[in-house]
């Protein structure tokens, strides 16, 4: 039973320290990769709506999202979730929608376009 308490304490410690480290890590990734400059504002808004609300993302914006890269995409989503304005959102749901949006866009961009 004592090991369960030690385990619980370690989990709490990891989560509290991990949150502060995650913020710095995400900011560093975003800065090093110039993530904030790789998509136009209209596509940023479409991607945001697709992930954080209910919306769709156009083929053009899927191309920009894939061009952004998965590392930048993930870091930007995680940093947005750290913003107090989004504290009422369920992170697991947002991460799942983020992955779904990424995979849908990747499949769209990777699929051969029909010849006309």
N, C-alpha and C. Protein backbone atom coordinates (compact mmCIF):
# COMPACT_ATOMS: atom_id res chain seq x y z
N UNK A 1 0.82 -1.19 0.00
CA UNK A 1 0.00 0.00 0.00
C UNK A 1 0.87 1.26 0.00
N UNK A 2 2.02 1.19 0.70
CA UNK A 2 2.91 2.34 0.75
C UNK A 2 3.44 2.66 -0.65
N UNK A 3 3.70 1.63 -1.44
CA UNK A 3 4.21 1.88 -2.79
C UNK A 3 3.18 2.61 -3.64
N UNK A 4 1.90 2.38 -3.39
CA UNK A 4 0.85 3.09 -4.12
C UNK A 4 0.90 4.58 -3.79
N UNK A 5 1.13 4.92 -2.53
CA UNK A 5 1.21 6.32 -2.13
C UNK A 5 2.43 7.00 -2.74
N UNK A 6 3.55 6.29 -2.75
CA UNK A 6 4.76 6.83 -3.36
C UNK A 6 4.53 7.04 -4.85
N UNK A 7 3.90 6.08 -5.48
CA UNK A 7 3.59 6.18 -6.91
C UNK A 7 2.69 7.39 -7.17
N UNK A 8 1.65 7.55 -6.35
CA UNK A 8 0.73 8.68 -6.51
C UNK A 8 1.46 10.00 -6.35
N UNK A 9 2.36 10.08 -5.37
CA UNK A 9 3.12 11.31 -5.15
C UNK A 9 4.02 11.61 -6.35
N UNK A 10 4.62 10.57 -6.91
CA UNK A 10 5.48 10.77 -8.08
C UNK A 10 4.68 11.24 -9.29
N UNK A 11 3.49 10.70 -9.46
CA UNK A 11 2.63 11.11 -10.58
C UNK A 11 2.26 12.58 -10.45
N UNK A 12 1.87 12.99 -9.24
CA UNK A 12 1.50 14.39 -9.01
C UNK A 12 2.71 15.29 -9.26
N UNK A 13 3.87 14.90 -8.76
CA UNK A 13 5.09 15.67 -8.96
C UNK A 13 5.42 15.77 -10.45
N UNK A 14 5.32 14.67 -11.16
CA UNK A 14 5.61 14.65 -12.59
C UNK A 14 4.65 15.57 -13.34
N UNK A 15 3.37 15.50 -13.01
CA UNK A 15 2.39 16.31 -13.72
C UNK A 15 2.58 17.79 -13.46
N UNK A 16 2.87 18.17 -12.22
CA UNK A 16 3.04 19.60 -11.93
C UNK A 16 4.34 20.12 -12.54
N UNK A 17 5.41 19.38 -12.43
CA UNK A 17 6.68 19.81 -13.04
C UNK A 17 6.61 19.70 -14.55
N UNK A 18 5.96 18.67 -15.03
CA UNK A 18 5.86 18.43 -16.47
C UNK A 18 5.11 19.52 -17.19
N UNK A 19 4.09 20.09 -16.54
CA UNK A 19 3.32 21.16 -17.18
C UNK A 19 4.19 22.38 -17.43
N UNK A 20 5.00 22.76 -16.44
CA UNK A 20 5.89 23.91 -16.61
C UNK A 20 6.95 23.62 -17.67
N UNK A 21 7.50 22.42 -17.66
CA UNK A 21 8.51 22.05 -18.65
C UNK A 21 7.90 21.96 -20.04
N UNK A 22 6.67 21.45 -20.13
CA UNK A 22 6.02 21.31 -21.43
C UNK A 22 5.84 22.68 -22.09
N UNK A 23 5.47 23.70 -21.29
CA UNK A 23 5.28 25.04 -21.84
C UNK A 23 6.58 25.54 -22.45
N UNK A 24 7.68 25.42 -21.73
CA UNK A 24 8.97 25.88 -22.24
C UNK A 24 9.40 25.05 -23.45
N UNK A 25 9.16 23.76 -23.39
CA UNK A 25 9.54 22.88 -24.50
C UNK A 25 8.76 23.24 -25.76
N UNK A 26 7.45 23.44 -25.62
CA UNK A 26 6.63 23.80 -26.78
C UNK A 26 7.05 25.15 -27.35
N UNK A 27 7.30 26.12 -26.47
CA UNK A 27 7.74 27.44 -26.94
C UNK A 27 9.06 27.33 -27.69
N UNK A 28 9.96 26.51 -27.19
CA UNK A 28 11.26 26.34 -27.84
C UNK A 28 11.11 25.69 -29.21
N UNK A 29 10.27 24.66 -29.28
CA UNK A 29 10.01 23.99 -30.57
C UNK A 29 9.43 24.99 -31.57
N UNK A 30 8.47 25.77 -31.11
CA UNK A 30 7.80 26.74 -31.99
C UNK A 30 8.80 27.78 -32.48
N UNK A 31 9.64 28.27 -31.58
CA UNK A 31 10.62 29.28 -31.96
C UNK A 31 11.68 28.72 -32.91
N UNK A 32 12.24 27.57 -32.56
CA UNK A 32 13.31 26.98 -33.37
C UNK A 32 12.86 26.62 -34.78
N UNK A 33 11.59 26.27 -34.93
CA UNK A 33 11.09 25.84 -36.23
C UNK A 33 10.29 26.92 -36.96
N UNK A 34 10.29 28.12 -36.41
CA UNK A 34 9.52 29.24 -37.01
C UNK A 34 8.08 28.83 -37.31
N UNK A 35 7.48 28.10 -36.39
CA UNK A 35 6.15 27.54 -36.61
C UNK A 35 5.07 28.60 -36.84
N UNK A 36 5.22 29.74 -36.21
CA UNK A 36 4.16 30.74 -36.29
C UNK A 36 4.14 31.50 -37.61
N UNK A 37 5.11 31.25 -38.47
CA UNK A 37 5.17 31.99 -39.73
C UNK A 37 4.88 31.10 -40.94
N UNK A 38 4.58 29.83 -40.72
CA UNK A 38 4.46 28.89 -41.83
C UNK A 38 3.06 28.73 -42.41
N UNK A 39 2.05 29.33 -41.76
CA UNK A 39 0.68 29.25 -42.27
C UNK A 39 0.09 30.65 -42.32
N UNK A 40 -0.75 30.87 -43.33
CA UNK A 40 -1.46 32.14 -43.42
C UNK A 40 -2.59 32.19 -42.39
N UNK A 41 -2.97 33.39 -42.00
CA UNK A 41 -4.00 33.56 -40.98
C UNK A 41 -5.33 32.88 -41.32
N UNK A 42 -5.82 32.96 -42.58
CA UNK A 42 -7.09 32.28 -42.88
C UNK A 42 -7.01 30.76 -42.61
N UNK A 43 -5.88 30.16 -42.94
CA UNK A 43 -5.73 28.71 -42.72
C UNK A 43 -5.51 28.39 -41.25
N UNK A 44 -4.84 29.29 -40.53
CA UNK A 44 -4.69 29.10 -39.08
C UNK A 44 -6.08 29.06 -38.45
N UNK A 45 -6.94 29.99 -38.86
CA UNK A 45 -8.30 30.05 -38.31
C UNK A 45 -9.11 28.80 -38.67
N UNK A 46 -8.97 28.32 -39.90
CA UNK A 46 -9.67 27.10 -40.31
C UNK A 46 -9.19 25.90 -39.50
N UNK A 47 -7.89 25.77 -39.34
CA UNK A 47 -7.34 24.65 -38.57
C UNK A 47 -7.79 24.74 -37.12
N UNK A 48 -7.75 25.94 -36.56
CA UNK A 48 -8.19 26.14 -35.17
C UNK A 48 -9.65 25.72 -35.00
N UNK A 49 -10.50 26.18 -35.91
CA UNK A 49 -11.92 25.85 -35.84
C UNK A 49 -12.14 24.35 -35.97
N UNK A 50 -11.38 23.72 -36.84
CA UNK A 50 -11.49 22.28 -37.05
C UNK A 50 -11.11 21.50 -35.79
N UNK A 51 -10.14 22.01 -35.05
CA UNK A 51 -9.63 21.28 -33.88
C UNK A 51 -10.32 21.69 -32.59
N UNK A 52 -10.48 22.99 -32.36
CA UNK A 52 -10.98 23.48 -31.08
C UNK A 52 -12.48 23.75 -31.05
N UNK A 53 -13.11 23.75 -32.22
CA UNK A 53 -14.55 23.97 -32.29
C UNK A 53 -15.11 22.91 -33.23
N UNK A 54 -16.16 23.26 -33.93
CA UNK A 54 -16.71 22.34 -34.92
C UNK A 54 -16.62 23.01 -36.27
N UNK A 55 -15.78 22.50 -37.10
CA UNK A 55 -15.61 23.10 -38.41
C UNK A 55 -14.83 22.17 -39.31
N UNK A 56 -14.65 22.61 -40.53
CA UNK A 56 -13.90 21.81 -41.49
C UNK A 56 -12.70 22.62 -41.96
N UNK A 57 -11.78 21.93 -42.56
CA UNK A 57 -10.58 22.57 -43.09
C UNK A 57 -10.50 22.29 -44.59
N UNK A 58 -10.27 23.32 -45.37
CA UNK A 58 -10.26 23.20 -46.82
C UNK A 58 -9.01 22.45 -47.30
N UNK A 59 -9.05 22.02 -48.54
CA UNK A 59 -7.89 21.34 -49.14
C UNK A 59 -6.66 22.25 -49.12
N UNK A 60 -6.86 23.53 -49.45
CA UNK A 60 -5.76 24.48 -49.47
C UNK A 60 -5.12 24.57 -48.08
N UNK A 61 -5.96 24.68 -47.06
CA UNK A 61 -5.43 24.81 -45.70
C UNK A 61 -4.85 23.49 -45.19
N UNK A 62 -5.36 22.38 -45.68
CA UNK A 62 -4.73 21.09 -45.35
C UNK A 62 -3.30 21.07 -45.88
N UNK A 63 -3.13 21.60 -47.08
CA UNK A 63 -1.78 21.68 -47.65
C UNK A 63 -0.86 22.53 -46.80
N UNK A 64 -1.36 23.65 -46.31
CA UNK A 64 -0.55 24.51 -45.44
C UNK A 64 -0.27 23.83 -44.10
N UNK A 65 -1.26 23.10 -43.58
CA UNK A 65 -1.08 22.41 -42.31
C UNK A 65 -0.01 21.33 -42.43
N UNK A 66 -0.06 20.55 -43.49
CA UNK A 66 0.94 19.51 -43.70
C UNK A 66 2.31 20.15 -43.94
N UNK A 67 2.33 21.28 -44.66
CA UNK A 67 3.57 22.01 -44.87
C UNK A 67 4.16 22.54 -43.57
N UNK A 68 3.30 22.84 -42.62
CA UNK A 68 3.73 23.30 -41.30
C UNK A 68 4.57 22.22 -40.61
N UNK A 69 4.14 20.97 -40.79
CA UNK A 69 4.85 19.85 -40.19
C UNK A 69 4.20 19.39 -38.90
N UNK A 70 4.33 18.11 -38.62
CA UNK A 70 3.67 17.52 -37.46
C UNK A 70 4.24 18.07 -36.14
N UNK A 71 5.55 18.30 -36.09
CA UNK A 71 6.17 18.80 -34.86
C UNK A 71 5.59 20.17 -34.50
N UNK A 72 5.53 21.06 -35.49
CA UNK A 72 4.96 22.39 -35.24
C UNK A 72 3.47 22.29 -34.90
N UNK A 73 2.76 21.48 -35.65
CA UNK A 73 1.32 21.32 -35.41
C UNK A 73 1.06 20.88 -33.96
N UNK A 74 1.77 19.86 -33.53
CA UNK A 74 1.58 19.34 -32.17
C UNK A 74 1.96 20.38 -31.11
N UNK A 75 3.08 21.06 -31.31
CA UNK A 75 3.53 22.06 -30.33
C UNK A 75 2.55 23.22 -30.24
N UNK A 76 2.01 23.67 -31.36
CA UNK A 76 1.06 24.77 -31.35
C UNK A 76 -0.25 24.38 -30.66
N UNK A 77 -0.72 23.17 -30.93
CA UNK A 77 -1.95 22.70 -30.27
C UNK A 77 -1.73 22.60 -28.76
N UNK A 78 -0.61 22.02 -28.36
CA UNK A 78 -0.32 21.87 -26.93
C UNK A 78 -0.17 23.23 -26.25
N UNK A 79 0.49 24.16 -26.93
CA UNK A 79 0.64 25.49 -26.33
C UNK A 79 -0.71 26.18 -26.20
N UNK A 80 -1.58 26.01 -27.18
CA UNK A 80 -2.91 26.61 -27.10
C UNK A 80 -3.68 26.03 -25.92
N UNK A 81 -3.55 24.73 -25.71
CA UNK A 81 -4.23 24.09 -24.57
C UNK A 81 -3.72 24.61 -23.23
N UNK A 82 -2.49 25.09 -23.19
CA UNK A 82 -1.92 25.63 -21.95
C UNK A 82 -2.44 27.03 -21.64
N UNK A 83 -3.06 27.69 -22.61
CA UNK A 83 -3.58 29.03 -22.42
C UNK A 83 -4.79 28.97 -21.49
N UNK A 84 -4.84 29.83 -20.46
CA UNK A 84 -5.97 29.83 -19.52
C UNK A 84 -7.32 30.05 -20.19
N UNK A 85 -7.36 30.67 -21.36
CA UNK A 85 -8.63 30.87 -22.06
C UNK A 85 -9.28 29.54 -22.45
N UNK A 86 -8.48 28.49 -22.56
CA UNK A 86 -8.98 27.20 -23.00
C UNK A 86 -8.99 26.17 -21.87
N UNK A 87 -8.97 26.63 -20.62
CA UNK A 87 -8.88 25.73 -19.47
C UNK A 87 -10.10 24.82 -19.34
N UNK A 88 -11.24 25.21 -19.90
CA UNK A 88 -12.46 24.40 -19.77
C UNK A 88 -12.55 23.30 -20.83
N UNK A 89 -11.63 23.28 -21.77
CA UNK A 89 -11.65 22.24 -22.80
C UNK A 89 -11.04 20.96 -22.27
N UNK A 90 -11.48 19.85 -22.81
CA UNK A 90 -10.90 18.55 -22.43
C UNK A 90 -9.70 18.28 -23.32
N UNK A 91 -8.49 18.30 -22.74
CA UNK A 91 -7.29 18.11 -23.55
C UNK A 91 -7.29 16.82 -24.37
N UNK A 92 -7.78 15.73 -23.80
CA UNK A 92 -7.78 14.46 -24.54
C UNK A 92 -8.63 14.57 -25.81
N UNK A 93 -9.75 15.26 -25.70
CA UNK A 93 -10.63 15.44 -26.86
C UNK A 93 -9.96 16.30 -27.92
N UNK A 94 -9.31 17.38 -27.48
CA UNK A 94 -8.64 18.28 -28.42
C UNK A 94 -7.47 17.58 -29.10
N UNK A 95 -6.68 16.84 -28.34
CA UNK A 95 -5.56 16.11 -28.93
C UNK A 95 -6.07 15.10 -29.96
N UNK A 96 -7.17 14.42 -29.63
CA UNK A 96 -7.76 13.44 -30.57
C UNK A 96 -8.22 14.15 -31.85
N UNK A 97 -8.87 15.32 -31.72
CA UNK A 97 -9.31 16.06 -32.90
C UNK A 97 -8.12 16.59 -33.70
N UNK A 98 -7.07 16.96 -32.98
CA UNK A 98 -5.85 17.43 -33.64
C UNK A 98 -5.23 16.32 -34.49
N UNK A 99 -5.14 15.14 -33.91
CA UNK A 99 -4.59 13.99 -34.63
C UNK A 99 -5.46 13.63 -35.82
N UNK A 100 -6.78 13.66 -35.61
CA UNK A 100 -7.72 13.34 -36.69
C UNK A 100 -7.58 14.35 -37.83
N UNK A 101 -7.51 15.63 -37.49
CA UNK A 101 -7.36 16.67 -38.53
C UNK A 101 -6.05 16.47 -39.28
N UNK A 102 -4.97 16.21 -38.54
CA UNK A 102 -3.66 15.98 -39.17
C UNK A 102 -3.72 14.79 -40.12
N UNK A 103 -4.25 13.67 -39.64
CA UNK A 103 -4.31 12.45 -40.46
C UNK A 103 -5.18 12.65 -41.68
N UNK A 104 -6.32 13.33 -41.53
CA UNK A 104 -7.19 13.60 -42.67
C UNK A 104 -6.49 14.46 -43.72
N UNK A 105 -5.79 15.48 -43.24
CA UNK A 105 -5.07 16.37 -44.18
C UNK A 105 -3.92 15.63 -44.84
N UNK A 106 -3.20 14.84 -44.08
CA UNK A 106 -2.08 14.09 -44.63
C UNK A 106 -2.57 13.12 -45.71
N UNK A 107 -3.68 12.44 -45.44
CA UNK A 107 -4.24 11.51 -46.43
C UNK A 107 -4.69 12.25 -47.68
N UNK A 108 -5.26 13.43 -47.48
CA UNK A 108 -5.74 14.23 -48.62
C UNK A 108 -4.57 14.70 -49.48
N UNK A 109 -3.51 15.14 -48.83
CA UNK A 109 -2.35 15.66 -49.55
C UNK A 109 -1.56 14.52 -50.22
N UNK A 110 -1.49 13.39 -49.53
CA UNK A 110 -0.73 12.25 -50.08
C UNK A 110 -1.47 11.49 -51.17
N UNK A 111 -2.80 11.62 -51.22
CA UNK A 111 -3.55 10.86 -52.21
C UNK A 111 -3.37 11.49 -53.59
N UNK A 112 -3.24 10.65 -54.60
CA UNK A 112 -3.08 11.21 -55.96
C UNK A 112 -4.36 11.89 -56.38
N UNK A 113 -4.20 13.05 -57.01
CA UNK A 113 -5.39 13.75 -57.48
C UNK A 113 -5.87 13.13 -58.78
N UNK A 114 -7.19 13.09 -58.96
CA UNK A 114 -7.73 12.49 -60.19
C UNK A 114 -7.38 13.35 -61.40
N UNK A 115 -7.03 12.71 -62.51
CA UNK A 115 -6.72 13.48 -63.72
C UNK A 115 -8.01 13.90 -64.39
N UNK A 116 -7.94 15.07 -64.94
CA UNK A 116 -9.14 15.59 -65.64
C UNK A 116 -8.93 15.64 -67.12
